[in-house]
Structures are given as C-alpha cells and as structure tokens.
Amino acid sequence: MKTELVTSLKRQATKILADLHATKEPVLITEHGQPSAYLVDVEDYEMMQERMRLLEGIARGERAILDGRVYSESEAEEKMAKWLK
C-alpha cells in the first residue's frame, strides 16, 4: 500500500489520483506521522460497501437463527402466501 503525507496530497492531488486510478492501490494519508485516512478508487469503495451490506445481512440471519427467530418451510409459505399469488 502506498503512503502519502497530507501535504503531498495537497500539492500533488492530480498525480496521486492518477496513480490511484492506474494502479487501483489504496493510498494511506498520514498527518503528523499518524494514519489519517485512506484514499481508494470509487469502484473499489462501492464494491466494499456492497460486500459489507451482504455480510451484514448474513450476520442478521445468523443472529435470527441463534435467537430462534426462524420459520419452517410451511410457516414461511403461509406468511408469504399473499405475495406468492
């Protein structure tokens, strides 16, 4: 992963963005020697967000199973009958 100072980002934003789009490699931005932010390509960010939504859905399903909030197939069909017509 590439690392850039925040001052470099201020001075060379166009070049840093061009490199980012060309390599698709995230850039860690540091301030005062400490990590401050990540700069990522838009497509990569959107893909990560979609993956996060999927993982959150799976986690909710697992939690429902652990909490006993599940239906048998016949119970589910009965509850869904109005939408399955």
PDB file of N, CA and C in Angstrom:
ATOM      1  N   MET A   1       0.845  -1.174   0.000  1.00  0.00           N
ATOM      2  CA  MET A   1       0.000   0.000   0.000  1.00  0.00           C
ATOM      3  C   MET A   1       0.893   1.241   0.000  1.00  0.00           C
ATOM      4  N   LYS A   2       0.491   2.168  -0.811  1.00  0.00           N
ATOM      5  CA  LYS A   2       1.237   3.416  -0.908  1.00  0.00           C
ATOM      6  C   LYS A   2       0.861   4.341   0.249  1.00  0.00           C
ATOM      7  N   THR A   3       1.816   5.111   0.739  1.00  0.00           N
ATOM      8  CA  THR A   3       1.579   6.079   1.808  1.00  0.00           C
ATOM      9  C   THR A   3       1.998   7.463   1.333  1.00  0.00           C
ATOM     10  N   GLU A   4       1.166   8.442   1.620  1.00  0.00           N
ATOM     11  CA  GLU A   4       1.456   9.830   1.251  1.00  0.00           C
ATOM     12  C   GLU A   4       1.180  10.742   2.438  1.00  0.00           C
ATOM     13  N   LEU A   5       1.978  11.787   2.541  1.00  0.00           N
ATOM     14  CA  LEU A   5       1.729  12.817   3.545  1.00  0.00           C
ATOM     15  C   LEU A   5       0.545  13.667   3.087  1.00  0.00           C
ATOM     16  N   VAL A   6      -0.175  14.206   4.034  1.00  0.00           N
ATOM     17  CA  VAL A   6      -1.303  15.068   3.677  1.00  0.00           C
ATOM     18  C   VAL A   6      -0.820  16.285   2.886  1.00  0.00           C
ATOM     19  N   THR A   7       0.378  16.767   3.190  1.00  0.00           N
ATOM     20  CA  THR A   7       0.911  17.905   2.426  1.00  0.00           C
ATOM     21  C   THR A   7       1.190  17.509   0.981  1.00  0.00           C
ATOM     22  N   SER A   8       1.620  16.274   0.752  1.00  0.00           N
ATOM     23  CA  SER A   8       1.817  15.797  -0.623  1.00  0.00           C
ATOM     24  C   SER A   8       0.485  15.730  -1.352  1.00  0.00           C
ATOM     25  N   LEU A   9      -0.546  15.288  -0.652  1.00  0.00           N
ATOM     26  CA  LEU A   9      -1.874  15.235  -1.259  1.00  0.00           C
ATOM     27  C   LEU A   9      -2.338  16.629  -1.664  1.00  0.00           C
ATOM     28  N   LYS A  10      -2.086  17.601  -0.801  1.00  0.00           N
ATOM     29  CA  LYS A  10      -2.477  18.984  -1.117  1.00  0.00           C
ATOM     30  C   LYS A  10      -1.749  19.492  -2.357  1.00  0.00           C
ATOM     31  N   ARG A  11      -0.475  19.161  -2.471  1.00  0.00           N
ATOM     32  CA  ARG A  11       0.351  19.695  -3.555  1.00  0.00           C
ATOM     33  C   ARG A  11       0.235  18.899  -4.848  1.00  0.00           C
ATOM     34  N   GLN A  12       0.008  17.582  -4.724  1.00  0.00           N
ATOM     35  CA  GLN A  12       0.059  16.715  -5.900  1.00  0.00           C
ATOM     36  C   GLN A  12      -1.210  15.872  -6.053  1.00  0.00           C
ATOM     37  N   ALA A  13      -2.349  16.436  -5.745  1.00  0.00           N
ATOM     38  CA  ALA A  13      -3.601  15.674  -5.768  1.00  0.00           C
ATOM     39  C   ALA A  13      -3.859  15.029  -7.125  1.00  0.00           C
ATOM     40  N   THR A  14      -3.648  15.775  -8.200  1.00  0.00           N
ATOM     41  CA  THR A  14      -3.924  15.243  -9.533  1.00  0.00           C
ATOM     42  C   THR A  14      -3.054  14.027  -9.831  1.00  0.00           C
ATOM     43  N   LYS A  15      -1.776  14.101  -9.511  1.00  0.00           N
ATOM     44  CA  LYS A  15      -0.861  12.981  -9.759  1.00  0.00           C
ATOM     45  C   LYS A  15      -1.214  11.784  -8.882  1.00  0.00           C
ATOM     46  N   ILE A  16      -1.488  12.032  -7.623  1.00  0.00           N
ATOM     47  CA  ILE A  16      -1.823  10.946  -6.702  1.00  0.00           C
ATOM     48  C   ILE A  16      -3.100  10.251  -7.155  1.00  0.00           C
ATOM     49  N   LEU A  17      -4.102  11.037  -7.572  1.00  0.00           N
ATOM     50  CA  LEU A  17      -5.344  10.439  -8.063  1.00  0.00           C
ATOM     51  C   LEU A  17      -5.118   9.650  -9.348  1.00  0.00           C
ATOM     52  N   ALA A  18      -4.284  10.174 -10.246  1.00  0.00           N
ATOM     53  CA  ALA A  18      -3.981   9.459 -11.493  1.00  0.00           C
ATOM     54  C   ALA A  18      -3.318   8.127 -11.188  1.00  0.00           C
ATOM     55  N   ASP A  19      -2.367   8.124 -10.258  1.00  0.00           N
ATOM     56  CA  ASP A  19      -1.700   6.882  -9.857  1.00  0.00           C
ATOM     57  C   ASP A  19      -2.701   5.906  -9.225  1.00  0.00           C
ATOM     58  N   LEU A  20      -3.573   6.430  -8.404  1.00  0.00           N
ATOM     59  CA  LEU A  20      -4.591   5.612  -7.745  1.00  0.00           C
ATOM     60  C   LEU A  20      -5.474   4.926  -8.784  1.00  0.00           C
ATOM     61  N   HIS A  21      -5.939   5.676  -9.768  1.00  0.00           N
ATOM     62  CA  HIS A  21      -6.808   5.097 -10.796  1.00  0.00           C
ATOM     63  C   HIS A  21      -6.056   4.099 -11.666  1.00  0.00           C
ATOM     64  N   ALA A  22      -4.791   4.348 -11.898  1.00  0.00           N
ATOM     65  CA  ALA A  22      -3.991   3.454 -12.741  1.00  0.00           C
ATOM     66  C   ALA A  22      -3.665   2.140 -12.034  1.00  0.00           C
ATOM     67  N   THR A  23      -3.329   2.213 -10.755  1.00  0.00           N
ATOM     68  CA  THR A  23      -2.881   1.018 -10.034  1.00  0.00           C
ATOM     69  C   THR A  23      -3.985   0.361  -9.213  1.00  0.00           C
ATOM     70  N   LYS A  24      -5.043   1.102  -8.902  1.00  0.00           N
ATOM     71  CA  LYS A  24      -6.124   0.626  -8.024  1.00  0.00           C
ATOM     72  C   LYS A  24      -5.620   0.318  -6.618  1.00  0.00           C
ATOM     73  N   GLU A  25      -4.433   0.803  -6.285  1.00  0.00           N
ATOM     74  CA  GLU A  25      -3.838   0.560  -4.977  1.00  0.00           C
ATOM     75  C   GLU A  25      -4.250   1.672  -4.014  1.00  0.00           C
ATOM     76  N   PRO A  26      -4.878   1.332  -2.871  1.00  0.00           N
ATOM     77  CA  PRO A  26      -5.265   2.362  -1.906  1.00  0.00           C
ATOM     78  C   PRO A  26      -4.053   3.170  -1.441  1.00  0.00           C
ATOM     79  N   VAL A  27      -4.305   4.395  -1.043  1.00  0.00           N
ATOM     80  CA  VAL A  27      -3.250   5.279  -0.554  1.00  0.00           C
ATOM     81  C   VAL A  27      -3.585   5.646   0.887  1.00  0.00           C
ATOM     82  N   LEU A  28      -2.632   5.412   1.776  1.00  0.00           N
ATOM     83  CA  LEU A  28      -2.788   5.805   3.176  1.00  0.00           C
ATOM     84  C   LEU A  28      -2.275   7.233   3.308  1.00  0.00           C
ATOM     85  N   ILE A  29      -3.130   8.123   3.793  1.00  0.00           N
ATOM     86  CA  ILE A  29      -2.763   9.521   4.002  1.00  0.00           C
ATOM     87  C   ILE A  29      -2.395   9.687   5.474  1.00  0.00           C
ATOM     88  N   THR A  30      -1.229  10.278   5.710  1.00  0.00           N
ATOM     89  CA  THR A  30      -0.793  10.487   7.093  1.00  0.00           C
ATOM     90  C   THR A  30      -0.712  11.974   7.412  1.00  0.00           C
ATOM     91  N   GLU A  31      -0.972  12.287   8.671  1.00  0.00           N
ATOM     92  CA  GLU A  31      -0.823  13.645   9.203  1.00  0.00           C
ATOM     93  C   GLU A  31       0.027  13.547  10.458  1.00  0.00           C
ATOM     94  N   HIS A  32       1.064  14.334  10.525  1.00  0.00           N
ATOM     95  CA  HIS A  32       1.946  14.339  11.688  1.00  0.00           C
ATOM     96  C   HIS A  32       2.465  12.939  12.002  1.00  0.00           C
ATOM     97  N   GLY A  33       2.721  12.156  10.952  1.00  0.00           N
ATOM     98  CA  GLY A  33       3.265  10.812  11.125  1.00  0.00           C
ATOM     99  C   GLY A  33       2.261   9.749  11.518  1.00  0.00           C
ATOM    100  N   GLN A  34       0.987  10.119  11.623  1.00  0.00           N
ATOM    101  CA  GLN A  34      -0.053   9.177  12.036  1.00  0.00           C
ATOM    102  C   GLN A  34      -1.035   8.924  10.888  1.00  0.00           C
ATOM    103  N   PRO A  35      -1.533   7.708  10.755  1.00  0.00           N
ATOM    104  CA  PRO A  35      -2.544   7.441   9.733  1.00  0.00           C
ATOM    105  C   PRO A  35      -3.758   8.343   9.935  1.00  0.00           C
ATOM    106  N   SER A  36      -4.256   8.902   8.844  1.00  0.00           N
ATOM    107  CA  SER A  36      -5.382   9.814   8.940  1.00  0.00           C
ATOM    108  C   SER A  36      -6.570   9.365   8.097  1.00  0.00           C
ATOM    109  N   ALA A  37      -6.298   8.842   6.895  1.00  0.00           N
ATOM    110  CA  ALA A  37      -7.385   8.440   6.003  1.00  0.00           C
ATOM    111  C   ALA A  37      -6.840   7.521   4.925  1.00  0.00           C
ATOM    112  N   TYR A  38      -7.748   6.807   4.284  1.00  0.00           N
ATOM    113  CA  TYR A  38      -7.403   6.015   3.112  1.00  0.00           C
ATOM    114  C   TYR A  38      -8.055   6.650   1.900  1.00  0.00           C
ATOM    115  N   LEU A  39      -7.330   6.677   0.821  1.00  0.00           N
ATOM    116  CA  LEU A  39      -7.846   7.152  -0.448  1.00  0.00           C
ATOM    117  C   LEU A  39      -7.996   5.924  -1.329  1.00  0.00           C
ATOM    118  N   VAL A  40      -9.235   5.640  -1.748  1.00  0.00           N
ATOM    119  CA  VAL A  40      -9.487   4.449  -2.559  1.00  0.00           C
ATOM    120  C   VAL A  40     -10.256   4.822  -3.810  1.00  0.00           C
ATOM    121  N   ASP A  41     -10.115   4.006  -4.841  1.00  0.00           N
ATOM    122  CA  ASP A  41     -10.819   4.187  -6.086  1.00  0.00           C
ATOM    123  C   ASP A  41     -12.330   4.033  -5.846  1.00  0.00           C
ATOM    124  N   VAL A  42     -13.138   4.795  -6.578  1.00  0.00           N
ATOM    125  CA  VAL A  42     -14.592   4.786  -6.391  1.00  0.00           C
ATOM    126  C   VAL A  42     -15.165   3.387  -6.593  1.00  0.00           C
ATOM    127  N   GLU A  43     -14.764   2.695  -7.649  1.00  0.00           N
ATOM    128  CA  GLU A  43     -15.288   1.349  -7.902  1.00  0.00           C
ATOM    129  C   GLU A  43     -14.943   0.397  -6.762  1.00  0.00           C
ATOM    130  N   ASP A  44     -13.733   0.482  -6.257  1.00  0.00           N
ATOM    131  CA  ASP A  44     -13.326  -0.369  -5.142  1.00  0.00           C
ATOM    132  C   ASP A  44     -14.131  -0.055  -3.888  1.00  0.00           C
ATOM    133  N   TYR A  45     -14.345   1.233  -3.631  1.00  0.00           N
ATOM    134  CA  TYR A  45     -15.133   1.639  -2.459  1.00  0.00           C
ATOM    135  C   TYR A  45     -16.558   1.106  -2.559  1.00  0.00           C
ATOM    136  N   GLU A  46     -17.179   1.266  -3.722  1.00  0.00           N
ATOM    137  CA  GLU A  46     -18.553   0.800  -3.900  1.00  0.00           C
ATOM    138  C   GLU A  46     -18.638  -0.714  -3.754  1.00  0.00           C
ATOM    139  N   MET A  47     -17.648  -1.439  -4.270  1.00  0.00           N
ATOM    140  CA  MET A  47     -17.616  -2.894  -4.128  1.00  0.00           C
ATOM    141  C   MET A  47     -17.489  -3.277  -2.648  1.00  0.00           C
ATOM    142  N   MET A  48     -16.652  -2.558  -1.904  1.00  0.00           N
ATOM    143  CA  MET A  48     -16.501  -2.839  -0.473  1.00  0.00           C
ATOM    144  C   MET A  48     -17.810  -2.583   0.271  1.00  0.00           C
ATOM    145  N   GLN A  49     -18.507  -1.520  -0.102  1.00  0.00           N
ATOM    146  CA  GLN A  49     -19.786  -1.211   0.540  1.00  0.00           C
ATOM    147  C   GLN A  49     -20.811  -2.303   0.261  1.00  0.00           C
ATOM    148  N   GLU A  50     -20.850  -2.806  -0.966  1.00  0.00           N
ATOM    149  CA  GLU A  50     -21.773  -3.882  -1.312  1.00  0.00           C
ATOM    150  C   GLU A  50     -21.436  -5.147  -0.528  1.00  0.00           C
ATOM    151  N   ARG A  51     -20.160  -5.471  -0.427  1.00  0.00           N
ATOM    152  CA  ARG A  51     -19.748  -6.636   0.362  1.00  0.00           C
ATOM    153  C   ARG A  51     -20.153  -6.474   1.816  1.00  0.00           C
ATOM    154  N   MET A  52     -19.995  -5.266   2.347  1.00  0.00           N
ATOM    155  CA  MET A  52     -20.371  -5.007   3.739  1.00  0.00           C
ATOM    156  C   MET A  52     -21.869  -5.215   3.937  1.00  0.00           C
ATOM    157  N   ARG A  53     -22.687  -4.735   2.995  1.00  0.00           N
ATOM    158  CA  ARG A  53     -24.145  -4.945   3.101  1.00  0.00           C
ATOM    159  C   ARG A  53     -24.477  -6.438   3.101  1.00  0.00           C
ATOM    160  N   LEU A  54     -23.817  -7.202   2.226  1.00  0.00           N
ATOM    161  CA  LEU A  54     -24.066  -8.645   2.184  1.00  0.00           C
ATOM    162  C   LEU A  54     -23.666  -9.317   3.496  1.00  0.00           C
ATOM    163  N   LEU A  55     -22.498  -8.955   4.017  1.00  0.00           N
ATOM    164  CA  LEU A  55     -22.037  -9.545   5.277  1.00  0.00           C
ATOM    165  C   LEU A  55     -22.954  -9.173   6.441  1.00  0.00           C
ATOM    166  N   GLU A  56     -23.465  -7.946   6.440  1.00  0.00           N
ATOM    167  CA  GLU A  56     -24.393  -7.536   7.494  1.00  0.00           C
ATOM    168  C   GLU A  56     -25.687  -8.329   7.411  1.00  0.00           C
ATOM    169  N   GLY A  57     -26.153  -8.601   6.190  1.00  0.00           N
ATOM    170  CA  GLY A  57     -27.352  -9.416   6.012  1.00  0.00           C
ATOM    171  C   GLY A  57     -27.136 -10.832   6.517  1.00  0.00           C
ATOM    172  N   ILE A  58     -25.991 -11.398   6.222  1.00  0.00           N
ATOM    173  CA  ILE A  58     -25.666 -12.743   6.703  1.00  0.00           C
ATOM    174  C   ILE A  58     -25.610 -12.751   8.231  1.00  0.00           C
ATOM    175  N   ALA A  59     -24.992 -11.728   8.809  1.00  0.00           N
ATOM    176  CA  ALA A  59     -24.898 -11.641  10.280  1.00  0.00           C
ATOM    177  C   ALA A  59     -26.284 -11.531  10.906  1.00  0.00           C
ATOM    178  N   ARG A  60     -27.184 -10.756  10.284  1.00  0.00           N
ATOM    179  CA  ARG A  60     -28.556 -10.655  10.816  1.00  0.00           C
ATOM    180  C   ARG A  60     -29.247 -12.017  10.758  1.00  0.00           C
ATOM    181  N   GLY A  61     -29.032 -12.752   9.653  1.00  0.00           N
ATOM    182  CA  GLY A  61     -29.629 -14.075   9.527  1.00  0.00           C
ATOM    183  C   GLY A  61     -29.091 -15.041  10.572  1.00  0.00           C
ATOM    184  N   GLU A  62     -27.794 -15.000  10.791  1.00  0.00           N
ATOM    185  CA  GLU A  62     -27.196 -15.864  11.816  1.00  0.00           C
ATOM    186  C   GLU A  62     -27.723 -15.518  13.200  1.00  0.00           C
ATOM    187  N   ARG A  63     -27.867 -14.217  13.467  1.00  0.00           N
ATOM    188  CA  ARG A  63     -28.397 -13.785  14.771  1.00  0.00           C
ATOM    189  C   ARG A  63     -29.837 -14.257  14.936  1.00  0.00           C
ATOM    190  N   ALA A  64     -30.637 -14.185  13.869  1.00  0.00           N
ATOM    191  CA  ALA A  64     -32.022 -14.647  13.927  1.00  0.00           C
ATOM    192  C   ALA A  64     -32.077 -16.140  14.245  1.00  0.00           C
ATOM    193  N   ILE A  65     -31.188 -16.909  13.636  1.00  0.00           N
ATOM    194  CA  ILE A  65     -31.141 -18.349  13.909  1.00  0.00           C
ATOM    195  C   ILE A  65     -30.790 -18.601  15.371  1.00  0.00           C
ATOM    196  N   LEU A  66     -29.769 -17.912  15.872  1.00  0.00           N
ATOM    197  CA  LEU A  66     -29.360 -18.085  17.269  1.00  0.00           C
ATOM    198  C   LEU A  66     -30.457 -17.676  18.245  1.00  0.00           C
ATOM    199  N   ASP A  67     -31.239 -16.654  17.866  1.00  0.00           N
ATOM    200  CA  ASP A  67     -32.326 -16.167  18.728  1.00  0.00           C
ATOM    201  C   ASP A  67     -33.606 -16.974  18.556  1.00  0.00           C
ATOM    202  N   GLY A  68     -33.587 -17.942  17.650  1.00  0.00           N
ATOM    203  CA  GLY A  68     -34.775 -18.770  17.439  1.00  0.00           C
ATOM    204  C   GLY A  68     -35.845 -18.095  16.607  1.00  0.00           C
ATOM    205  N   ARG A  69     -35.515 -17.039  15.915  1.00  0.00           N
ATOM    206  CA  ARG A  69     -36.489 -16.336  15.079  1.00  0.00           C
ATOM    207  C   ARG A  69     -36.455 -16.923  13.671  1.00  0.00           C
ATOM    208  N   VAL A  70     -36.931 -18.165  13.560  1.00  0.00           N
ATOM    209  CA  VAL A  70     -36.929 -18.863  12.283  1.00  0.00           C
ATOM    210  C   VAL A  70     -38.296 -19.492  12.058  1.00  0.00           C
ATOM    211  N   TYR A  71     -38.611 -19.791  10.806  1.00  0.00           N
ATOM    212  CA  TYR A  71     -39.874 -20.420  10.441  1.00  0.00           C
ATOM    213  C   TYR A  71     -39.587 -21.703   9.677  1.00  0.00           C
ATOM    214  N   SER A  72     -40.495 -22.654   9.827  1.00  0.00           N
ATOM    215  CA  SER A  72     -40.411 -23.851   8.997  1.00  0.00           C
ATOM    216  C   SER A  72     -40.827 -23.459   7.585  1.00  0.00           C
ATOM    217  N   GLU A  73     -40.614 -24.354   6.633  1.00  0.00           N
ATOM    218  CA  GLU A  73     -40.978 -24.042   5.253  1.00  0.00           C
ATOM    219  C   GLU A  73     -42.468 -23.766   5.134  1.00  0.00           C
ATOM    220  N   SER A  74     -43.287 -24.569   5.797  1.00  0.00           N
ATOM    221  CA  SER A  74     -44.739 -24.376   5.708  1.00  0.00           C
ATOM    222  C   SER A  74     -45.163 -23.070   6.376  1.00  0.00           C
ATOM    223  N   GLU A  75     -44.543 -22.724   7.495  1.00  0.00           N
ATOM    224  CA  GLU A  75     -44.850 -21.447   8.154  1.00  0.00           C
ATOM    225  C   GLU A  75     -44.448 -20.269   7.266  1.00  0.00           C
ATOM    226  N   ALA A  76     -43.315 -20.383   6.629  1.00  0.00           N
ATOM    227  CA  ALA A  76     -42.854 -19.312   5.736  1.00  0.00           C
ATOM    228  C   ALA A  76     -43.794 -19.171   4.546  1.00  0.00           C
ATOM    229  N   GLU A  77     -44.213 -20.302   3.955  1.00  0.00           N
ATOM    230  CA  GLU A  77     -45.144 -20.243   2.821  1.00  0.00           C
ATOM    231  C   GLU A  77     -46.456 -19.598   3.234  1.00  0.00           C
ATOM    232  N   GLU A  78     -46.931 -19.930   4.432  1.00  0.00           N
ATOM    233  CA  GLU A  78     -48.183 -19.364   4.931  1.00  0.00           C
ATOM    234  C   GLU A  78     -48.053 -17.843   5.096  1.00  0.00           C
ATOM    235  N   LYS A  79     -46.948 -17.391   5.660  1.00  0.00           N
ATOM    236  CA  LYS A  79     -46.728 -15.956   5.862  1.00  0.00           C
ATOM    237  C   LYS A  79     -46.527 -15.214   4.541  1.00  0.00           C
ATOM    238  N   MET A  80     -45.961 -15.898   3.546  1.00  0.00           N
ATOM    239  CA  MET A  80     -45.662 -15.272   2.264  1.00  0.00           C
ATOM    240  C   MET A  80     -46.778 -15.450   1.235  1.00  0.00           C
ATOM    241  N   ALA A  81     -47.841 -16.172   1.601  1.00  0.00           N
ATOM    242  CA  ALA A  81     -48.889 -16.537   0.647  1.00  0.00           C
ATOM    243  C   ALA A  81     -49.445 -15.325  -0.103  1.00  0.00           C
ATOM    244  N   LYS A  82     -49.648 -14.213   0.593  1.00  0.00           N
ATOM    245  CA  LYS A  82     -50.238 -13.053  -0.079  1.00  0.00           C
ATOM    246  C   LYS A  82     -49.312 -12.476  -1.152  1.00  0.00           C
ATOM    247  N   TRP A  83     -47.992 -12.692  -1.032  1.00  0.00           N
ATOM    248  CA  TRP A  83     -47.054 -12.186  -2.040  1.00  0.00           C
ATOM    249  C   TRP A  83     -46.776 -13.213  -3.132  1.00  0.00           C
ATOM    250  N   LEU A  84     -47.092 -14.472  -2.861  1.00  0.00           N
ATOM    251  CA  LEU A  84     -46.789 -15.540  -3.822  1.00  0.00           C
ATOM    252  C   LEU A  84     -47.919 -15.807  -4.807  1.00  0.00           C
ATOM    253  N   LYS A  85     -49.023 -15.085  -4.690  1.00  0.00           N
ATOM    254  CA  LYS A  85     -50.174 -15.306  -5.588  1.00  0.00           C
ATOM    255  C   LYS A  85     -49.882 -14.830  -6.986  1.00  0.00           C
TER     256      LYS A  85
END
